[in-house]
Amino acid sequence: MTTATRAFQRPADLVLAAAFAGATQVEVWVFSLGDGYPIGQRVAASVLTLVASGSLALRRSRPLVSFWANTAAVAAVIAVGYPSDVYQWTSLVATYSIAAHGTTRQAWIALPAPLGGILFYFLRFPFEGGPLLAACVVAMWVVGWLVGRNYGARLEQ
């Protein structure tokens, strides 16, 4: 990897993290206002989605830290009871990133976590979709992981 490529990674990852952070905060504080979530639940969702989004700033430089911080934050926001159309996409990016930029061992160890998170999401929020949608989402995350692993293997060569 060239020095110019490495120099570009950090700003690009910061922009990605900021974009997700902005989108999740707009969802929590603007788009779901009429949904009746109490302020405590909104604050918790806000902080946790900021952690999930912010972890993406480290997705290439510290993929293991980024992945596990994201996974913990996404699981916590699900546990808090805040469904979303945005924050789970940070998990897909983190899953791709650990597969692409982590070691092969880290990638394989990490794979079950987001798949379990998807199942947790659909069990916690059954109104978000049934088993077929859950299976499609799992397939999408597996494909993201496979694409990342393929890219990571090419980087290793």
Protein backbone atom coordinates (compact mmCIF):
# COMPACT_ATOMS: atom_id res chain seq x y z
CA MET A 1 0.00 0.00 0.00
CA THR A 2 1.39 3.37 -0.96
CA THR A 3 1.93 6.23 1.45
CA ALA A 4 -0.66 8.28 -0.44
CA THR A 5 -3.24 5.50 -0.02
CA ARG A 6 -2.51 5.24 3.71
CA ALA A 7 -2.75 9.00 4.10
CA PHE A 8 -6.18 8.99 2.43
CA GLN A 9 -7.59 6.19 4.60
CA ARG A 10 -7.84 8.19 7.80
CA PRO A 11 -9.84 11.13 6.40
CA ALA A 12 -12.09 8.79 4.41
CA ASP A 13 -12.79 6.69 7.50
CA LEU A 14 -13.49 9.83 9.53
CA VAL A 15 -15.94 11.05 6.89
CA LEU A 16 -17.67 7.64 6.87
CA ALA A 17 -17.94 7.63 10.67
CA ALA A 18 -19.23 11.22 10.71
CA ALA A 19 -21.82 10.46 8.03
CA PHE A 20 -23.18 7.51 10.00
CA ALA A 21 -23.08 9.52 13.23
CA GLY A 22 -25.07 12.31 11.63
CA ALA A 23 -27.61 9.94 10.10
CA THR A 24 -28.15 8.05 13.35
CA GLN A 25 -28.57 11.26 15.35
CA VAL A 26 -31.10 12.64 12.87
CA GLU A 27 -33.01 9.37 13.13
CA VAL A 28 -32.97 9.36 16.94
CA TRP A 29 -33.78 13.04 17.47
CA VAL A 30 -35.83 14.01 14.39
CA PHE A 31 -37.39 11.18 12.38
CA SER A 32 -38.64 9.10 15.32
CA LEU A 33 -40.03 11.98 17.42
CA GLY A 34 -43.62 10.82 17.10
CA ASP A 35 -42.81 7.23 18.02
CA GLY A 36 -43.13 7.81 21.75
CA TYR A 37 -39.66 6.79 22.92
CA PRO A 38 -38.90 8.21 26.38
CA ILE A 39 -36.03 10.70 26.68
CA GLY A 40 -33.83 8.22 28.57
CA GLN A 41 -34.16 5.67 25.82
CA ARG A 42 -33.37 8.33 23.19
CA VAL A 43 -30.28 9.49 25.09
CA ALA A 44 -29.05 5.91 25.45
CA ALA A 45 -29.71 5.23 21.75
CA SER A 46 -27.98 8.49 20.85
CA VAL A 47 -24.82 7.70 22.82
CA LEU A 48 -24.67 4.08 21.68
CA THR A 49 -25.19 4.92 18.02
CA LEU A 50 -22.43 7.52 18.30
CA VAL A 51 -20.12 4.79 19.61
CA ALA A 52 -21.19 2.39 16.83
CA SER A 53 -20.68 5.07 14.19
CA GLY A 54 -17.49 6.49 15.68
CA SER A 55 -15.89 3.05 15.78
CA LEU A 56 -15.80 3.11 11.98
CA ALA A 57 -13.11 5.80 12.10
CA LEU A 58 -10.75 2.99 13.16
CA ARG A 59 -12.00 0.38 10.71
CA ARG A 60 -8.73 0.12 8.73
CA SER A 61 -6.14 1.27 11.23
CA ARG A 62 -7.49 -0.80 14.18
CA PRO A 63 -10.04 -3.22 12.67
CA LEU A 64 -10.31 -5.44 15.74
CA VAL A 65 -11.04 -2.52 18.09
CA SER A 66 -13.44 -1.02 15.58
CA PHE A 67 -15.34 -4.26 15.08
CA TRP A 68 -15.79 -5.16 18.74
CA ALA A 69 -16.66 -1.60 19.80
CA ASN A 70 -19.26 -1.49 17.04
CA THR A 71 -20.63 -4.93 17.88
CA ALA A 72 -20.98 -4.08 21.58
CA ALA A 73 -22.64 -0.73 20.87
CA VAL A 74 -25.10 -2.19 18.34
CA ALA A 75 -26.01 -5.04 20.72
CA ALA A 76 -26.51 -2.52 23.54
CA VAL A 77 -28.78 -0.25 21.49
CA ILE A 78 -30.86 -3.29 20.53
CA ALA A 79 -31.04 -4.29 24.20
CA VAL A 80 -32.14 -0.75 25.11
CA GLY A 81 -35.08 -1.32 22.78
CA TYR A 82 -34.46 1.18 20.03
CA PRO A 83 -35.13 -0.22 16.53
CA SER A 84 -33.56 1.63 13.65
CA ASP A 85 -33.20 1.91 9.93
CA VAL A 86 -29.63 3.22 10.19
CA TYR A 87 -27.37 1.95 13.00
CA GLN A 88 -27.33 -1.68 11.91
CA TRP A 89 -25.63 -0.64 8.67
CA THR A 90 -22.60 0.34 10.74
CA SER A 91 -22.42 -3.34 11.66
CA LEU A 92 -22.25 -4.34 8.00
CA VAL A 93 -19.37 -1.92 7.42
CA ALA A 94 -17.58 -3.19 10.55
CA THR A 95 -18.12 -6.80 9.46
CA TYR A 96 -16.67 -6.09 6.03
CA SER A 97 -13.78 -4.18 7.62
CA ILE A 98 -12.70 -6.90 10.07
CA ALA A 99 -12.77 -9.41 7.20
CA ALA A 100 -10.80 -7.10 4.89
CA HIS A 101 -8.32 -5.50 7.28
CA GLY A 102 -8.07 -7.91 10.19
CA THR A 103 -6.08 -11.12 10.23
CA THR A 104 -7.67 -14.27 8.87
CA ARG A 105 -8.06 -15.56 12.42
CA GLN A 106 -9.70 -12.32 13.60
CA ALA A 107 -12.09 -12.41 10.67
CA TRP A 108 -13.21 -15.97 11.35
CA ILE A 109 -13.58 -15.39 15.09
CA ALA A 110 -15.61 -12.24 14.44
CA LEU A 111 -18.06 -13.72 11.91
CA PRO A 112 -20.60 -15.21 14.37
CA ALA A 113 -21.02 -11.95 16.33
CA PRO A 114 -22.90 -9.89 13.72
CA LEU A 115 -24.94 -12.92 12.69
CA GLY A 116 -26.01 -13.35 16.30
CA GLY A 117 -26.70 -9.62 16.45
CA ILE A 118 -29.04 -9.88 13.47
CA LEU A 119 -30.95 -12.71 15.11
CA PHE A 120 -31.08 -10.69 18.37
CA TYR A 121 -32.47 -7.71 16.44
CA PHE A 122 -35.28 -9.70 14.84
CA LEU A 123 -36.13 -11.48 18.08
CA ARG A 124 -36.16 -8.17 19.98
CA PHE A 125 -38.19 -6.38 17.30
CA PRO A 126 -40.42 -9.01 15.63
CA PHE A 127 -42.49 -6.26 14.00
CA GLU A 128 -39.42 -5.35 11.90
CA GLY A 129 -39.72 -8.49 9.79
CA GLY A 130 -40.13 -12.23 9.81
CA PRO A 131 -37.76 -15.16 9.40
CA LEU A 132 -37.41 -14.67 5.64
CA LEU A 133 -36.22 -11.08 6.04
CA ALA A 134 -33.88 -12.14 8.86
CA ALA A 135 -32.41 -14.84 6.61
CA CYS A 136 -31.92 -12.31 3.80
CA VAL A 137 -30.15 -9.92 6.17
CA VAL A 138 -27.90 -12.71 7.46
CA ALA A 139 -27.07 -13.59 3.84
CA MET A 140 -26.22 -9.95 3.13
CA TRP A 141 -23.83 -9.82 6.11
CA VAL A 142 -22.19 -13.10 5.05
CA VAL A 143 -21.69 -11.72 1.54
CA GLY A 144 -20.21 -8.52 3.04
CA TRP A 145 -17.84 -10.65 5.12
CA LEU A 146 -16.89 -12.77 2.08
CA VAL A 147 -16.21 -9.69 -0.04
CA GLY A 148 -14.08 -8.28 2.77
CA ARG A 149 -12.21 -11.54 3.24
CA ASN A 150 -11.53 -11.74 -0.50
CA TYR A 151 -10.17 -8.19 -0.48
CA GLY A 152 -8.11 -8.94 2.64
CA ALA A 153 -6.62 -12.06 1.05
CA ARG A 154 -5.63 -10.01 -1.98
CA LEU A 155 -4.00 -7.41 0.27
CA GLU A 156 -2.02 -10.16 2.01
CA GLN A 157 -0.58 -11.41 -1.30
